[in-house]
């Protein structure tokens, strides 16, 4: 059971974003996001878009830092990837 986060390198809404995913379930992901104060509107199909200002808090709360490629690999391996 783990939640993963990639570096905040994705532009969106006038800021840089990270992606936050679970390798277990969406329920785990929603619970973690709520715990670190990420609003539900940040959820996008299979991940949360997390502003760079929230990155350190997510890592401090237990999110594991990985590359974007590794994040997608883990999400896909868990069967939770929902492509567009």
N, C-alpha and C. Protein backbone atom coordinates (compact mmCIF):
# COMPACT_ATOMS: atom_id res chain seq x y z
N UNK A 1 0.84 -1.17 0.00
CA UNK A 1 0.00 0.00 0.00
C UNK A 1 0.88 1.24 0.00
N UNK A 2 0.76 2.01 -1.06
CA UNK A 2 1.58 3.21 -1.13
C UNK A 2 0.91 4.25 -2.02
N UNK A 3 1.25 5.48 -1.74
CA UNK A 3 0.84 6.61 -2.57
C UNK A 3 2.12 7.21 -3.13
N UNK A 4 2.11 7.51 -4.42
CA UNK A 4 3.30 8.01 -5.11
C UNK A 4 3.05 9.41 -5.65
N UNK A 5 4.14 10.17 -5.77
CA UNK A 5 4.07 11.53 -6.29
C UNK A 5 5.24 11.76 -7.24
N UNK A 6 4.97 12.41 -8.36
CA UNK A 6 6.06 12.76 -9.28
C UNK A 6 6.43 14.23 -9.08
N UNK A 7 7.54 14.67 -9.65
CA UNK A 7 7.99 16.06 -9.48
C UNK A 7 6.98 17.06 -10.07
N UNK A 8 6.91 18.25 -9.50
CA UNK A 8 5.97 19.27 -10.01
C UNK A 8 6.51 19.94 -11.28
N UNK A 9 6.38 19.23 -12.40
CA UNK A 9 6.91 19.74 -13.67
C UNK A 9 5.82 19.92 -14.73
N UNK A 10 4.55 19.70 -14.34
CA UNK A 10 3.46 19.76 -15.30
C UNK A 10 2.73 21.08 -15.17
N UNK A 11 2.72 21.92 -16.21
CA UNK A 11 2.02 23.20 -16.12
C UNK A 11 0.50 23.01 -16.18
N UNK A 12 -0.18 23.82 -15.38
CA UNK A 12 -1.64 23.77 -15.40
C UNK A 12 -2.23 24.81 -14.48
N UNK A 13 -3.22 25.51 -14.94
CA UNK A 13 -3.92 26.51 -14.12
C UNK A 13 -2.97 27.58 -13.57
N UNK A 14 -1.97 27.95 -14.36
CA UNK A 14 -1.06 29.01 -13.98
C UNK A 14 -0.01 28.62 -12.95
N UNK A 15 0.20 27.34 -12.75
CA UNK A 15 1.21 26.88 -11.79
C UNK A 15 1.75 25.52 -12.23
N UNK A 16 2.70 25.02 -11.49
CA UNK A 16 3.28 23.71 -11.79
C UNK A 16 2.62 22.67 -10.90
N UNK A 17 2.37 21.50 -11.50
CA UNK A 17 1.64 20.45 -10.79
C UNK A 17 2.42 19.15 -10.74
N UNK A 18 2.16 18.38 -9.70
CA UNK A 18 2.60 16.99 -9.56
C UNK A 18 1.38 16.12 -9.74
N UNK A 19 1.63 14.83 -9.90
CA UNK A 19 0.54 13.86 -9.93
C UNK A 19 0.67 12.96 -8.71
N UNK A 20 -0.45 12.65 -8.10
CA UNK A 20 -0.50 11.82 -6.91
C UNK A 20 -1.34 10.60 -7.24
N UNK A 21 -0.79 9.39 -7.05
CA UNK A 21 -1.50 8.15 -7.37
C UNK A 21 -1.33 7.13 -6.25
N UNK A 22 -2.22 6.14 -6.26
CA UNK A 22 -2.13 5.00 -5.36
C UNK A 22 -1.83 3.76 -6.18
N UNK A 23 -1.16 2.79 -5.57
CA UNK A 23 -0.95 1.51 -6.25
C UNK A 23 -1.88 0.44 -5.67
N UNK A 24 -2.90 0.90 -4.90
CA UNK A 24 -3.83 -0.04 -4.27
C UNK A 24 -5.27 0.22 -4.70
N UNK A 25 -5.73 1.46 -4.48
CA UNK A 25 -7.14 1.75 -4.78
C UNK A 25 -7.37 3.25 -4.85
N UNK A 26 -8.48 3.61 -5.48
CA UNK A 26 -8.86 5.02 -5.50
C UNK A 26 -9.28 5.47 -4.10
N UNK A 27 -9.85 4.55 -3.31
CA UNK A 27 -10.24 4.89 -1.94
C UNK A 27 -9.02 5.33 -1.13
N UNK A 28 -7.91 4.59 -1.27
CA UNK A 28 -6.69 4.96 -0.56
C UNK A 28 -6.21 6.34 -1.03
N UNK A 29 -6.28 6.56 -2.32
CA UNK A 29 -5.84 7.83 -2.89
C UNK A 29 -6.70 8.99 -2.38
N UNK A 30 -8.00 8.82 -2.39
CA UNK A 30 -8.90 9.88 -1.91
C UNK A 30 -8.67 10.17 -0.44
N UNK A 31 -8.47 9.13 0.36
CA UNK A 31 -8.23 9.32 1.80
C UNK A 31 -6.94 10.09 2.02
N UNK A 32 -5.89 9.74 1.30
CA UNK A 32 -4.60 10.42 1.45
C UNK A 32 -4.74 11.88 1.02
N UNK A 33 -5.37 12.11 -0.11
CA UNK A 33 -5.54 13.48 -0.61
C UNK A 33 -6.30 14.33 0.40
N UNK A 34 -7.35 13.77 0.97
CA UNK A 34 -8.13 14.51 1.96
C UNK A 34 -7.27 14.84 3.18
N UNK A 35 -6.46 13.87 3.59
CA UNK A 35 -5.59 14.06 4.76
C UNK A 35 -4.59 15.20 4.57
N UNK A 36 -4.10 15.38 3.34
CA UNK A 36 -3.13 16.46 3.09
C UNK A 36 -3.78 17.73 2.54
N UNK A 37 -5.11 17.76 2.52
CA UNK A 37 -5.82 18.98 2.15
C UNK A 37 -5.99 19.25 0.68
N UNK A 38 -5.93 18.20 -0.14
CA UNK A 38 -6.14 18.37 -1.59
C UNK A 38 -7.63 18.23 -1.86
N UNK A 39 -8.27 19.23 -2.45
CA UNK A 39 -9.71 19.15 -2.70
C UNK A 39 -10.05 18.07 -3.73
N UNK A 40 -11.22 17.49 -3.59
CA UNK A 40 -11.66 16.42 -4.49
C UNK A 40 -11.69 16.87 -5.95
N UNK A 41 -11.88 18.16 -6.18
CA UNK A 41 -11.90 18.66 -7.56
C UNK A 41 -10.54 18.48 -8.25
N UNK A 42 -9.48 18.19 -7.49
CA UNK A 42 -8.16 17.95 -8.06
C UNK A 42 -8.01 16.55 -8.64
N UNK A 43 -9.03 15.69 -8.46
CA UNK A 43 -8.97 14.32 -8.98
C UNK A 43 -9.28 14.33 -10.47
N UNK A 44 -8.43 13.66 -11.26
CA UNK A 44 -8.59 13.61 -12.71
C UNK A 44 -8.44 12.16 -13.19
N UNK A 45 -9.55 11.47 -13.35
CA UNK A 45 -9.63 10.08 -13.83
C UNK A 45 -8.95 9.06 -12.93
N UNK A 46 -7.64 9.16 -12.71
CA UNK A 46 -6.91 8.15 -11.95
C UNK A 46 -5.82 8.74 -11.05
N UNK A 47 -5.79 10.06 -10.97
CA UNK A 47 -4.75 10.72 -10.17
C UNK A 47 -5.27 12.08 -9.67
N UNK A 48 -4.54 12.63 -8.73
CA UNK A 48 -4.79 14.01 -8.30
C UNK A 48 -3.72 14.90 -8.90
N UNK A 49 -4.13 16.07 -9.35
CA UNK A 49 -3.20 17.12 -9.73
C UNK A 49 -2.91 17.90 -8.46
N UNK A 50 -1.66 17.96 -8.10
CA UNK A 50 -1.26 18.56 -6.83
C UNK A 50 -0.36 19.77 -7.10
N UNK A 51 -0.74 20.96 -6.65
CA UNK A 51 0.10 22.15 -6.86
C UNK A 51 1.47 21.99 -6.20
N UNK A 52 2.48 22.59 -6.80
CA UNK A 52 3.84 22.47 -6.27
C UNK A 52 3.93 22.93 -4.82
N UNK A 53 3.09 23.87 -4.42
CA UNK A 53 3.10 24.36 -3.03
C UNK A 53 2.70 23.28 -2.03
N UNK A 54 2.02 22.23 -2.50
CA UNK A 54 1.58 21.14 -1.62
C UNK A 54 2.49 19.92 -1.69
N UNK A 55 3.51 19.97 -2.52
CA UNK A 55 4.40 18.82 -2.74
C UNK A 55 5.06 18.37 -1.45
N UNK A 56 5.69 19.28 -0.72
CA UNK A 56 6.43 18.92 0.50
C UNK A 56 5.50 18.31 1.55
N UNK A 57 4.29 18.84 1.68
CA UNK A 57 3.34 18.31 2.66
C UNK A 57 2.94 16.87 2.30
N UNK A 58 2.77 16.59 1.02
CA UNK A 58 2.41 15.24 0.60
C UNK A 58 3.55 14.26 0.89
N UNK A 59 4.78 14.67 0.62
CA UNK A 59 5.94 13.81 0.91
C UNK A 59 6.06 13.60 2.42
N UNK A 60 5.90 14.66 3.17
CA UNK A 60 5.96 14.58 4.63
C UNK A 60 4.89 13.63 5.18
N UNK A 61 3.74 13.58 4.53
CA UNK A 61 2.65 12.72 4.96
C UNK A 61 2.83 11.26 4.52
N UNK A 62 3.86 11.01 3.69
CA UNK A 62 4.16 9.63 3.31
C UNK A 62 4.15 9.31 1.84
N UNK A 63 3.84 10.27 0.97
CA UNK A 63 3.90 9.99 -0.47
C UNK A 63 5.34 9.70 -0.87
N UNK A 64 5.52 8.72 -1.70
CA UNK A 64 6.85 8.30 -2.14
C UNK A 64 7.20 9.02 -3.44
N UNK A 65 8.33 9.69 -3.45
CA UNK A 65 8.77 10.45 -4.62
C UNK A 65 9.32 9.50 -5.68
N UNK A 66 8.76 9.60 -6.89
CA UNK A 66 9.21 8.79 -8.02
C UNK A 66 9.20 9.65 -9.27
N UNK A 67 9.83 9.17 -10.31
CA UNK A 67 9.78 9.87 -11.60
C UNK A 67 8.38 9.72 -12.20
N UNK A 68 8.08 10.56 -13.17
CA UNK A 68 6.78 10.48 -13.84
C UNK A 68 6.60 9.13 -14.53
N UNK A 69 7.66 8.64 -15.12
CA UNK A 69 7.61 7.35 -15.80
C UNK A 69 7.33 6.22 -14.81
N UNK A 70 7.98 6.26 -13.66
CA UNK A 70 7.76 5.25 -12.63
C UNK A 70 6.35 5.34 -12.07
N UNK A 71 5.83 6.54 -11.91
CA UNK A 71 4.48 6.74 -11.41
C UNK A 71 3.46 6.07 -12.34
N UNK A 72 3.60 6.27 -13.63
CA UNK A 72 2.68 5.65 -14.60
C UNK A 72 2.85 4.14 -14.59
N UNK A 73 4.07 3.65 -14.46
CA UNK A 73 4.33 2.21 -14.41
C UNK A 73 3.60 1.58 -13.23
N UNK A 74 3.69 2.21 -12.07
CA UNK A 74 3.03 1.68 -10.87
C UNK A 74 1.52 1.75 -10.98
N UNK A 75 1.00 2.83 -11.51
CA UNK A 75 -0.43 3.00 -11.69
C UNK A 75 -0.98 1.94 -12.65
N UNK A 76 -0.28 1.72 -13.75
CA UNK A 76 -0.68 0.72 -14.73
C UNK A 76 -0.57 -0.69 -14.14
N UNK A 77 0.52 -0.96 -13.44
CA UNK A 77 0.72 -2.27 -12.82
C UNK A 77 -0.36 -2.62 -11.80
N UNK A 78 -0.91 -1.60 -11.16
CA UNK A 78 -1.97 -1.82 -10.18
C UNK A 78 -3.34 -1.98 -10.84
N UNK A 79 -3.40 -1.78 -12.17
CA UNK A 79 -4.67 -1.88 -12.88
C UNK A 79 -5.58 -0.68 -12.67
N UNK A 80 -5.00 0.44 -12.24
CA UNK A 80 -5.79 1.63 -11.95
C UNK A 80 -5.67 2.74 -13.01
N UNK A 81 -4.89 2.50 -14.06
CA UNK A 81 -4.70 3.51 -15.09
C UNK A 81 -5.96 3.66 -15.92
N UNK A 82 -6.41 4.89 -16.09
CA UNK A 82 -7.58 5.19 -16.93
C UNK A 82 -7.15 6.18 -18.01
N UNK A 83 -6.66 5.68 -19.15
CA UNK A 83 -6.23 6.61 -20.20
C UNK A 83 -7.40 7.38 -20.80
N UNK A 84 -7.07 8.51 -21.40
CA UNK A 84 -8.11 9.33 -22.05
C UNK A 84 -8.73 8.60 -23.20
